[in-house]
All heavy atoms as atom14 arrays in JSON, in Angstrom:
{
  "sequence": "DAKKLEKSGHLVEARKDYVQSQALFETKEAAKGIERVDSKLRDQVK",
  "atom14_mask": [
    [1, 1, 1, 1, 1, 1, 1, 1, 0, 0, 0, 0, 0, 0],
    [1, 1, 1, 1, 1, 0, 0, 0, 0, 0, 0, 0, 0, 0],
    [1, 1, 1, 1, 1, 1, 1, 1, 1, 0, 0, 0, 0, 0],
    [1, 1, 1, 1, 1, 1, 1, 1, 1, 0, 0, 0, 0, 0],
    [1, 1, 1, 1, 1, 1, 1, 1, 0, 0, 0, 0, 0, 0],
    [1, 1, 1, 1, 1, 1, 1, 1, 1, 0, 0, 0, 0, 0],
    [1, 1, 1, 1, 1, 1, 1, 1, 1, 0, 0, 0, 0, 0],
    [1, 1, 1, 1, 1, 1, 0, 0, 0, 0, 0, 0, 0, 0],
    [1, 1, 1, 1, 0, 0, 0, 0, 0, 0, 0, 0, 0, 0],
    [1, 1, 1, 1, 1, 1, 1, 1, 1, 1, 0, 0, 0, 0],
    [1, 1, 1, 1, 1, 1, 1, 1, 0, 0, 0, 0, 0, 0],
    [1, 1, 1, 1, 1, 1, 1, 0, 0, 0, 0, 0, 0, 0],
    [1, 1, 1, 1, 1, 1, 1, 1, 1, 0, 0, 0, 0, 0],
    [1, 1, 1, 1, 1, 0, 0, 0, 0, 0, 0, 0, 0, 0],
    [1, 1, 1, 1, 1, 1, 1, 1, 1, 1, 1, 0, 0, 0],
    [1, 1, 1, 1, 1, 1, 1, 1, 1, 0, 0, 0, 0, 0],
    [1, 1, 1, 1, 1, 1, 1, 1, 0, 0, 0, 0, 0, 0],
    [1, 1, 1, 1, 1, 1, 1, 1, 1, 1, 1, 1, 0, 0],
    [1, 1, 1, 1, 1, 1, 1, 0, 0, 0, 0, 0, 0, 0],
    [1, 1, 1, 1, 1, 1, 1, 1, 1, 0, 0, 0, 0, 0],
    [1, 1, 1, 1, 1, 1, 0, 0, 0, 0, 0, 0, 0, 0],
    [1, 1, 1, 1, 1, 1, 1, 1, 1, 0, 0, 0, 0, 0],
    [1, 1, 1, 1, 1, 0, 0, 0, 0, 0, 0, 0, 0, 0],
    [1, 1, 1, 1, 1, 1, 1, 1, 0, 0, 0, 0, 0, 0],
    [1, 1, 1, 1, 1, 1, 1, 1, 1, 1, 1, 0, 0, 0],
    [1, 1, 1, 1, 1, 1, 1, 1, 1, 0, 0, 0, 0, 0],
    [1, 1, 1, 1, 1, 1, 1, 0, 0, 0, 0, 0, 0, 0],
    [1, 1, 1, 1, 1, 1, 1, 1, 1, 0, 0, 0, 0, 0],
    [1, 1, 1, 1, 1, 1, 1, 1, 1, 0, 0, 0, 0, 0],
    [1, 1, 1, 1, 1, 0, 0, 0, 0, 0, 0, 0, 0, 0],
    [1, 1, 1, 1, 1, 0, 0, 0, 0, 0, 0, 0, 0, 0],
    [1, 1, 1, 1, 1, 1, 1, 1, 1, 0, 0, 0, 0, 0],
    [1, 1, 1, 1, 0, 0, 0, 0, 0, 0, 0, 0, 0, 0],
    [1, 1, 1, 1, 1, 1, 1, 1, 0, 0, 0, 0, 0, 0],
    [1, 1, 1, 1, 1, 1, 1, 1, 1, 0, 0, 0, 0, 0],
    [1, 1, 1, 1, 1, 1, 1, 1, 1, 1, 1, 0, 0, 0],
    [1, 1, 1, 1, 1, 1, 1, 0, 0, 0, 0, 0, 0, 0],
    [1, 1, 1, 1, 1, 1, 1, 1, 0, 0, 0, 0, 0, 0],
    [1, 1, 1, 1, 1, 1, 0, 0, 0, 0, 0, 0, 0, 0],
    [1, 1, 1, 1, 1, 1, 1, 1, 1, 0, 0, 0, 0, 0],
    [1, 1, 1, 1, 1, 1, 1, 1, 0, 0, 0, 0, 0, 0],
    [1, 1, 1, 1, 1, 1, 1, 1, 1, 1, 1, 0, 0, 0],
    [1, 1, 1, 1, 1, 1, 1, 1, 0, 0, 0, 0, 0, 0],
    [1, 1, 1, 1, 1, 1, 1, 1, 1, 0, 0, 0, 0, 0],
    [1, 1, 1, 1, 1, 1, 1, 0, 0, 0, 0, 0, 0, 0],
    [1, 1, 1, 1, 1, 1, 1, 1, 1, 0, 0, 0, 0, 0]
  ],
  "atom14_positions": [
    [[-6.4, -18.6, -6.96], [-5.18, -19.41, -6.89], [-4.29, -18.96, -5.73], [-3.69, -19.79, -5.04], [-4.4, -19.31, -8.21], [-5.07, -20.07, -9.34], [-5.9, -20.95, -9.06], [-4.77, -19.77, -10.51], [0.0, 0.0, 0.0], [0.0, 0.0, 0.0], [0.0, 0.0, 0.0], [0.0, 0.0, 0.0], [0.0, 0.0, 0.0], [0.0, 0.0, 0.0]],
    [[-4.2, -17.63, -5.54], [-3.37, -17.1, -4.46], [-3.84, -17.6, -3.1], [-3.03, -17.98, -2.25], [-3.38, -15.57, -4.5], [0.0, 0.0, 0.0], [0.0, 0.0, 0.0], [0.0, 0.0, 0.0], [0.0, 0.0, 0.0], [0.0, 0.0, 0.0], [0.0, 0.0, 0.0], [0.0, 0.0, 0.0], [0.0, 0.0, 0.0], [0.0, 0.0, 0.0]],
    [[-5.14, -17.63, -2.9], [-5.7, -18.09, -1.63], [-5.41, -19.56, -1.4], [-5.09, -19.99, -0.28], [-7.2, -17.84, -1.6], [-7.59, -16.38, -1.49], [-9.1, -16.21, -1.54], [-9.5, -14.75, -1.49], [-10.96, -14.58, -1.6], [0.0, 0.0, 0.0], [0.0, 0.0, 0.0], [0.0, 0.0, 0.0], [0.0, 0.0, 0.0], [0.0, 0.0, 0.0]],
    [[-5.5, -20.35, -2.48], [-5.19, -21.78, -2.36], [-3.73, -21.99, -1.99], [-3.4, -22.82, -1.14], [-5.5, -22.49, -3.69], [-6.98, -22.68, -3.97], [-7.18, -23.44, -5.27], [-8.66, -23.67, -5.57], [-8.87, -24.4, -6.85], [0.0, 0.0, 0.0], [0.0, 0.0, 0.0], [0.0, 0.0, 0.0], [0.0, 0.0, 0.0], [0.0, 0.0, 0.0]],
    [[-2.86, -21.24, -2.66], [-1.44, -21.36, -2.37], [-1.12, -20.93, -0.94], [-0.33, -21.58, -0.24], [-0.64, -20.49, -3.36], [-0.57, -21.02, -4.79], [-0.04, -19.93, -5.73], [0.32, -22.25, -4.88], [0.0, 0.0, 0.0], [0.0, 0.0, 0.0], [0.0, 0.0, 0.0], [0.0, 0.0, 0.0], [0.0, 0.0, 0.0], [0.0, 0.0, 0.0]],
    [[-1.74, -19.86, -0.5], [-1.53, -19.39, 0.87], [-2.0, -20.42, 1.87], [-1.32, -20.71, 2.86], [-2.27, -18.07, 1.09], [-2.08, -17.48, 2.48], [-2.87, -16.22, 2.71], [-3.51, -15.72, 1.75], [-2.87, -15.72, 3.85], [0.0, 0.0, 0.0], [0.0, 0.0, 0.0], [0.0, 0.0, 0.0], [0.0, 0.0, 0.0], [0.0, 0.0, 0.0]],
    [[-3.16, -20.99, 1.62], [-3.73, -21.99, 2.53], [-2.87, -23.23, 2.62], [-2.75, -23.85, 3.68], [-5.14, -22.36, 2.07], [-5.91, -23.22, 3.07], [-7.33, -23.44, 2.61], [-8.11, -24.28, 3.63], [-9.51, -24.51, 3.19], [0.0, 0.0, 0.0], [0.0, 0.0, 0.0], [0.0, 0.0, 0.0], [0.0, 0.0, 0.0], [0.0, 0.0, 0.0]],
    [[-2.23, -23.6, 1.5], [-1.4, -24.8, 1.47], [0.03, -24.54, 1.95], [0.86, -25.44, 1.97], [-1.37, -25.4, 0.05], [-0.78, -24.49, -0.86], [0.0, 0.0, 0.0], [0.0, 0.0, 0.0], [0.0, 0.0, 0.0], [0.0, 0.0, 0.0], [0.0, 0.0, 0.0], [0.0, 0.0, 0.0], [0.0, 0.0, 0.0], [0.0, 0.0, 0.0]],
    [[0.31, -23.27, 2.32], [1.62, -22.95, 2.86], [2.66, -22.52, 1.83], [3.82, -22.3, 2.17], [0.0, 0.0, 0.0], [0.0, 0.0, 0.0], [0.0, 0.0, 0.0], [0.0, 0.0, 0.0], [0.0, 0.0, 0.0], [0.0, 0.0, 0.0], [0.0, 0.0, 0.0], [0.0, 0.0, 0.0], [0.0, 0.0, 0.0], [0.0, 0.0, 0.0]],
    [[2.25, -22.39, 0.57], [3.17, -21.92, -0.48], [3.14, -20.39, -0.51], [2.56, -19.78, -1.41], [2.77, -22.52, -1.83], [2.91, -24.01, -1.89], [1.91, -24.86, -1.45], [3.91, -24.8, -2.34], [2.3, -26.11, -1.63], [3.51, -26.11, -2.15], [0.0, 0.0, 0.0], [0.0, 0.0, 0.0], [0.0, 0.0, 0.0], [0.0, 0.0, 0.0]],
    [[3.77, -19.8, 0.49], [3.62, -18.37, 0.72], [4.29, -17.51, -0.34], [3.74, -16.47, -0.73], [4.17, -18.02, 2.1], [3.47, -18.7, 3.29], [4.14, -18.31, 4.59], [1.99, -18.34, 3.32], [0.0, 0.0, 0.0], [0.0, 0.0, 0.0], [0.0, 0.0, 0.0], [0.0, 0.0, 0.0], [0.0, 0.0, 0.0], [0.0, 0.0, 0.0]],
    [[5.47, -17.9, -0.8], [6.17, -17.1, -1.81], [5.37, -17.05, -3.1], [5.18, -15.99, -3.7], [7.57, -17.68, -2.08], [8.26, -16.92, -3.21], [8.43, -17.6, -0.82], [0.0, 0.0, 0.0], [0.0, 0.0, 0.0], [0.0, 0.0, 0.0], [0.0, 0.0, 0.0], [0.0, 0.0, 0.0], [0.0, 0.0, 0.0], [0.0, 0.0, 0.0]],
    [[4.86, -18.22, -3.52], [4.05, -18.28, -4.74], [2.75, -17.51, -4.58], [2.29, -16.83, -5.51], [3.75, -19.73, -5.11], [4.98, -20.54, -5.52], [5.74, -21.09, -4.32], [5.37, -20.77, -3.17], [6.73, -21.81, -4.54], [0.0, 0.0, 0.0], [0.0, 0.0, 0.0], [0.0, 0.0, 0.0], [0.0, 0.0, 0.0], [0.0, 0.0, 0.0]],
    [[2.14, -17.61, -3.38], [0.9, -16.88, -3.12], [1.13, -15.38, -3.21], [0.31, -14.65, -3.8], [0.37, -17.24, -1.73], [0.0, 0.0, 0.0], [0.0, 0.0, 0.0], [0.0, 0.0, 0.0], [0.0, 0.0, 0.0], [0.0, 0.0, 0.0], [0.0, 0.0, 0.0], [0.0, 0.0, 0.0], [0.0, 0.0, 0.0], [0.0, 0.0, 0.0]],
    [[2.24, -14.92, -2.66], [2.52, -13.48, -2.7], [2.69, -13.0, -4.14], [2.2, -11.92, -4.5], [3.8, -13.17, -1.91], [3.99, -11.67, -1.69], [5.32, -11.34, -1.03], [5.33, -9.96, -0.58], [5.47, -8.91, -1.38], [5.63, -9.09, -2.69], [5.45, -7.68, -0.89], [0.0, 0.0, 0.0], [0.0, 0.0, 0.0], [0.0, 0.0, 0.0]],
    [[3.36, -13.78, -4.95], [3.55, -13.4, -6.35], [2.21, -13.27, -7.07], [2.01, -12.37, -7.89], [4.43, -14.43, -7.06], [5.89, -14.37, -6.62], [6.74, -15.44, -7.29], [8.19, -15.35, -6.85], [9.03, -16.43, -7.45], [0.0, 0.0, 0.0], [0.0, 0.0, 0.0], [0.0, 0.0, 0.0], [0.0, 0.0, 0.0], [0.0, 0.0, 0.0]],
    [[1.27, -14.17, -6.76], [-0.05, -14.09, -7.37], [-0.82, -12.86, -6.89], [-1.48, -12.19, -7.69], [-0.86, -15.36, -7.06], [-0.57, -16.49, -8.04], [0.25, -16.27, -8.94], [-1.16, -17.58, -7.9], [0.0, 0.0, 0.0], [0.0, 0.0, 0.0], [0.0, 0.0, 0.0], [0.0, 0.0, 0.0], [0.0, 0.0, 0.0], [0.0, 0.0, 0.0]],
    [[-0.73, -12.57, -5.6], [-1.4, -11.38, -5.08], [-0.85, -10.12, -5.74], [-1.59, -9.2, -6.09], [-1.23, -11.29, -3.56], [-2.14, -12.19, -2.76], [-1.62, -13.07, -1.81], [-3.52, -12.15, -2.95], [-2.46, -13.9, -1.06], [-4.36, -12.98, -2.2], [-3.82, -13.85, -1.26], [-4.65, -14.66, -0.54], [0.0, 0.0, 0.0], [0.0, 0.0, 0.0]],
    [[0.47, -10.07, -5.91], [1.11, -8.91, -6.55], [0.69, -8.81, -8.02], [0.4, -7.71, -8.52], [2.65, -9.01, -6.44], [3.32, -7.95, -7.3], [3.09, -8.85, -4.99], [0.0, 0.0, 0.0], [0.0, 0.0, 0.0], [0.0, 0.0, 0.0], [0.0, 0.0, 0.0], [0.0, 0.0, 0.0], [0.0, 0.0, 0.0], [0.0, 0.0, 0.0]],
    [[0.64, -9.94, -8.7], [0.2, -9.94, -10.1], [-1.23, -9.43, -10.23], [-1.57, -8.65, -11.11], [0.31, -11.34, -10.68], [-0.08, -11.42, -12.16], [-0.08, -12.84, -12.69], [0.22, -13.79, -11.97], [-0.43, -12.99, -13.96], [0.0, 0.0, 0.0], [0.0, 0.0, 0.0], [0.0, 0.0, 0.0], [0.0, 0.0, 0.0], [0.0, 0.0, 0.0]],
    [[-2.09, -9.89, -9.31], [-3.47, -9.45, -9.31], [-3.56, -7.95, -9.09], [-4.32, -7.25, -9.78], [-4.24, -10.18, -8.2], [-5.5, -9.58, -7.96], [0.0, 0.0, 0.0], [0.0, 0.0, 0.0], [0.0, 0.0, 0.0], [0.0, 0.0, 0.0], [0.0, 0.0, 0.0], [0.0, 0.0, 0.0], [0.0, 0.0, 0.0], [0.0, 0.0, 0.0]],
    [[-2.78, -7.44, -8.15], [-2.8, -6.02, -7.84], [-2.3, -5.18, -9.01], [-2.73, -4.04, -9.21], [-1.94, -5.77, -6.58], [-2.18, -4.45, -5.92], [-3.49, -4.37, -5.16], [-4.49, -4.98, -5.53], [-3.51, -3.61, -4.08], [0.0, 0.0, 0.0], [0.0, 0.0, 0.0], [0.0, 0.0, 0.0], [0.0, 0.0, 0.0], [0.0, 0.0, 0.0]],
    [[-1.35, -5.75, -9.78], [-0.83, -5.04, -10.93], [-1.87, -4.92, -12.04], [-1.91, -3.92, -12.77], [0.42, -5.75, -11.46], [0.0, 0.0, 0.0], [0.0, 0.0, 0.0], [0.0, 0.0, 0.0], [0.0, 0.0, 0.0], [0.0, 0.0, 0.0], [0.0, 0.0, 0.0], [0.0, 0.0, 0.0], [0.0, 0.0, 0.0], [0.0, 0.0, 0.0]],
    [[-2.71, -5.93, -12.17], [-3.75, -5.91, -13.19], [-4.89, -4.97, -12.79], [-5.38, -4.18, -13.6], [-4.31, -7.32, -13.41], [-3.46, -8.27, -14.25], [-4.07, -9.67, -14.21], [-3.34, -7.78, -15.69], [0.0, 0.0, 0.0], [0.0, 0.0, 0.0], [0.0, 0.0, 0.0], [0.0, 0.0, 0.0], [0.0, 0.0, 0.0], [0.0, 0.0, 0.0]],
    [[-5.3, -5.1, -11.53], [-6.44, -4.29, -11.06], [-6.37, -4.23, -9.53], [-6.44, -5.27, -8.86], [-7.76, -4.93, -11.51], [-8.96, -4.06, -11.27], [-9.32, -3.07, -12.17], [-9.73, -4.22, -10.13], [-10.42, -2.26, -11.95], [-10.84, -3.42, -9.9], [-11.19, -2.44, -10.81], [0.0, 0.0, 0.0], [0.0, 0.0, 0.0], [0.0, 0.0, 0.0]],
    [[-6.22, -3.05, -9.0], [-6.04, -2.92, -7.55], [-7.32, -3.24, -6.79], [-8.39, -2.72, -7.11], [-5.58, -1.5, -7.2], [-4.18, -1.18, -7.7], [-3.68, 0.16, -7.19], [-4.39, 0.79, -6.4], [-2.57, 0.56, -7.59], [0.0, 0.0, 0.0], [0.0, 0.0, 0.0], [0.0, 0.0, 0.0], [0.0, 0.0, 0.0], [0.0, 0.0, 0.0]],
    [[-7.18, -4.12, -5.81], [-8.31, -4.49, -4.96], [-7.86, -4.55, -3.51], [-6.68, -4.81, -3.23], [-8.88, -5.87, -5.35], [-7.87, -6.88, -5.14], [-9.34, -5.9, -6.81], [0.0, 0.0, 0.0], [0.0, 0.0, 0.0], [0.0, 0.0, 0.0], [0.0, 0.0, 0.0], [0.0, 0.0, 0.0], [0.0, 0.0, 0.0], [0.0, 0.0, 0.0]],
    [[-8.79, -4.32, -2.59], [-8.48, -4.43, -1.17], [-8.12, -5.88, -0.81], [-7.28, -6.13, 0.05], [-9.68, -3.96, -0.33], [-9.93, -2.47, -0.39], [-11.09, -2.08, 0.51], [-11.33, -0.57, 0.48], [-12.48, -0.18, 1.34], [0.0, 0.0, 0.0], [0.0, 0.0, 0.0], [0.0, 0.0, 0.0], [0.0, 0.0, 0.0], [0.0, 0.0, 0.0]],
    [[-8.76, -6.81, -1.51], [-8.52, -8.22, -1.24], [-7.06, -8.6, -1.51], [-6.42, -9.3, -0.71], [-9.45, -9.08, -2.1], [-9.43, -10.55, -1.76], [-10.45, -11.34, -2.55], [-11.14, -10.74, -3.41], [-10.57, -12.56, -2.31], [0.0, 0.0, 0.0], [0.0, 0.0, 0.0], [0.0, 0.0, 0.0], [0.0, 0.0, 0.0], [0.0, 0.0, 0.0]],
    [[-6.54, -8.13, -2.62], [-5.14, -8.42, -2.97], [-4.19, -7.71, -2.01], [-3.19, -8.29, -1.57], [-4.86, -8.0, -4.4], [0.0, 0.0, 0.0], [0.0, 0.0, 0.0], [0.0, 0.0, 0.0], [0.0, 0.0, 0.0], [0.0, 0.0, 0.0], [0.0, 0.0, 0.0], [0.0, 0.0, 0.0], [0.0, 0.0, 0.0], [0.0, 0.0, 0.0]],
    [[-4.5, -6.45, -1.69], [-3.64, -5.69, -0.78], [-3.57, -6.36, 0.6], [-2.49, -6.48, 1.19], [-4.17, -4.27, -0.64], [0.0, 0.0, 0.0], [0.0, 0.0, 0.0], [0.0, 0.0, 0.0], [0.0, 0.0, 0.0], [0.0, 0.0, 0.0], [0.0, 0.0, 0.0], [0.0, 0.0, 0.0], [0.0, 0.0, 0.0], [0.0, 0.0, 0.0]],
    [[-4.72, -6.82, 1.09], [-4.74, -7.51, 2.39], [-4.03, -8.84, 2.3], [-3.38, -9.28, 3.26], [-6.19, -7.7, 2.85], [-6.88, -6.41, 3.28], [-8.3, -6.69, 3.75], [-8.97, -5.41, 4.23], [-10.38, -5.65, 4.67], [0.0, 0.0, 0.0], [0.0, 0.0, 0.0], [0.0, 0.0, 0.0], [0.0, 0.0, 0.0], [0.0, 0.0, 0.0]],
    [[-4.14, -9.49, 1.13], [-3.45, -10.76, 0.93], [-1.95, -10.6, 1.01], [-1.25, -11.4, 1.64], [0.0, 0.0, 0.0], [0.0, 0.0, 0.0], [0.0, 0.0, 0.0], [0.0, 0.0, 0.0], [0.0, 0.0, 0.0], [0.0, 0.0, 0.0], [0.0, 0.0, 0.0], [0.0, 0.0, 0.0], [0.0, 0.0, 0.0], [0.0, 0.0, 0.0]],
    [[-1.43, -9.56, 0.37], [0.01, -9.28, 0.4], [0.46, -9.0, 1.84], [1.48, -9.52, 2.3], [0.35, -8.08, -0.51], [0.09, -8.44, -1.97], [1.8, -7.64, -0.31], [0.18, -7.26, -2.93], [0.0, 0.0, 0.0], [0.0, 0.0, 0.0], [0.0, 0.0, 0.0], [0.0, 0.0, 0.0], [0.0, 0.0, 0.0], [0.0, 0.0, 0.0]],
    [[-0.3, -8.18, 2.53], [0.03, -7.83, 3.92], [0.03, -9.08, 4.81], [0.92, -9.28, 5.63], [-0.97, -6.8, 4.44], [-0.67, -6.32, 5.85], [-1.67, -5.28, 6.32], [-2.48, -4.8, 5.49], [-1.64, -4.93, 7.51], [0.0, 0.0, 0.0], [0.0, 0.0, 0.0], [0.0, 0.0, 0.0], [0.0, 0.0, 0.0], [0.0, 0.0, 0.0]],
    [[-0.98, -9.91, 4.61], [-1.12, -11.12, 5.43], [0.03, -12.11, 5.17], [0.62, -12.65, 6.1], [-2.46, -11.77, 5.12], [-2.83, -12.95, 6.01], [-4.26, -13.37, 5.76], [-4.49, -13.75, 4.37], [-5.25, -13.05, 3.52], [-5.85, -11.95, 3.93], [-5.42, -13.47, 2.28], [0.0, 0.0, 0.0], [0.0, 0.0, 0.0], [0.0, 0.0, 0.0]],
    [[0.35, -12.32, 3.9], [1.42, -13.25, 3.54], [2.78, -12.73, 4.01], [3.62, -13.49, 4.49], [1.42, -13.5, 2.01], [2.69, -14.24, 1.59], [0.2, -14.31, 1.6], [0.0, 0.0, 0.0], [0.0, 0.0, 0.0], [0.0, 0.0, 0.0], [0.0, 0.0, 0.0], [0.0, 0.0, 0.0], [0.0, 0.0, 0.0], [0.0, 0.0, 0.0]],
    [[3.0, -11.43, 3.87], [4.25, -10.84, 4.34], [4.45, -11.09, 5.84], [5.55, -11.39, 6.29], [4.27, -9.34, 4.07], [4.62, -9.01, 2.62], [5.06, -9.92, 1.9], [4.43, -7.84, 2.22], [0.0, 0.0, 0.0], [0.0, 0.0, 0.0], [0.0, 0.0, 0.0], [0.0, 0.0, 0.0], [0.0, 0.0, 0.0], [0.0, 0.0, 0.0]],
    [[3.37, -10.97, 6.6], [3.45, -11.21, 8.03], [3.8, -12.67, 8.32], [4.64, -12.97, 9.19], [2.1, -10.86, 8.69], [2.14, -11.13, 10.08], [0.0, 0.0, 0.0], [0.0, 0.0, 0.0], [0.0, 0.0, 0.0], [0.0, 0.0, 0.0], [0.0, 0.0, 0.0], [0.0, 0.0, 0.0], [0.0, 0.0, 0.0], [0.0, 0.0, 0.0]],
    [[3.2, -13.58, 7.58], [3.49, -15.0, 7.76], [4.93, -15.33, 7.38], [5.59, -16.13, 8.04], [2.52, -15.85, 6.92], [1.08, -15.82, 7.4], [0.18, -16.66, 6.5], [-1.27, -16.62, 6.96], [-2.15, -17.43, 6.08], [0.0, 0.0, 0.0], [0.0, 0.0, 0.0], [0.0, 0.0, 0.0], [0.0, 0.0, 0.0], [0.0, 0.0, 0.0]],
    [[5.41, -14.71, 6.31], [6.79, -14.94, 5.89], [7.78, -14.44, 6.94], [8.77, -15.12, 7.25], [7.04, -14.24, 4.55], [6.44, -14.9, 3.31], [6.53, -13.97, 2.1], [7.13, -16.22, 3.0], [0.0, 0.0, 0.0], [0.0, 0.0, 0.0], [0.0, 0.0, 0.0], [0.0, 0.0, 0.0], [0.0, 0.0, 0.0], [0.0, 0.0, 0.0]],
    [[7.51, -13.26, 7.5], [8.39, -12.74, 8.55], [8.41, -13.66, 9.77], [9.46, -13.91, 10.35], [7.96, -11.32, 8.95], [8.26, -10.26, 7.89], [8.11, -8.86, 8.45], [6.74, -8.56, 8.84], [5.84, -8.02, 8.03], [6.17, -7.72, 6.78], [4.62, -7.76, 8.45], [0.0, 0.0, 0.0], [0.0, 0.0, 0.0], [0.0, 0.0, 0.0]],
    [[7.24, -14.16, 10.14], [7.15, -15.07, 11.28], [7.95, -16.35, 11.03], [8.65, -16.85, 11.93], [5.69, -15.43, 11.57], [4.91, -14.27, 12.17], [5.54, -13.3, 12.63], [3.66, -14.33, 12.17], [0.0, 0.0, 0.0], [0.0, 0.0, 0.0], [0.0, 0.0, 0.0], [0.0, 0.0, 0.0], [0.0, 0.0, 0.0], [0.0, 0.0, 0.0]],
    [[7.85, -16.87, 9.82], [8.58, -18.1, 9.49], [10.08, -17.87, 9.5], [10.85, -18.7, 9.98], [8.13, -18.63, 8.12], [8.78, -19.96, 7.74], [8.49, -21.06, 8.74], [7.33, -21.31, 9.07], [9.53, -21.7, 9.24], [0.0, 0.0, 0.0], [0.0, 0.0, 0.0], [0.0, 0.0, 0.0], [0.0, 0.0, 0.0], [0.0, 0.0, 0.0]],
    [[10.51, -16.73, 8.96], [11.94, -16.42, 8.95], [12.46, -16.26, 10.38], [13.57, -16.72, 10.7], [12.22, -15.14, 8.12], [13.65, -14.65, 8.34], [11.99, -15.42, 6.64], [0.0, 0.0, 0.0], [0.0, 0.0, 0.0], [0.0, 0.0, 0.0], [0.0, 0.0, 0.0], [0.0, 0.0, 0.0], [0.0, 0.0, 0.0], [0.0, 0.0, 0.0]],
    [[11.67, -15.66, 11.25], [12.08, -15.53, 12.66], [12.29, -16.91, 13.28], [13.28, -17.14, 13.98], [11.01, -14.76, 13.44], [11.0, -13.27, 13.2], [9.93, -12.6, 14.06], [9.88, -11.11, 13.84], [8.84, -10.45, 14.65], [0.0, 0.0, 0.0], [0.0, 0.0, 0.0], [0.0, 0.0, 0.0], [0.0, 0.0, 0.0], [0.0, 0.0, 0.0]]
  ]
}
């Protein structure tokens, strides 16, 4: 779901899903997802 949200541009919702996933079980995929979305959010705010 997080990947779908990220792809559709719903970055805040995608980040929340990545964080929820990481809280349940830590994975490199979720960690990279958070890092990637954070970068996109910073770019958009700029």
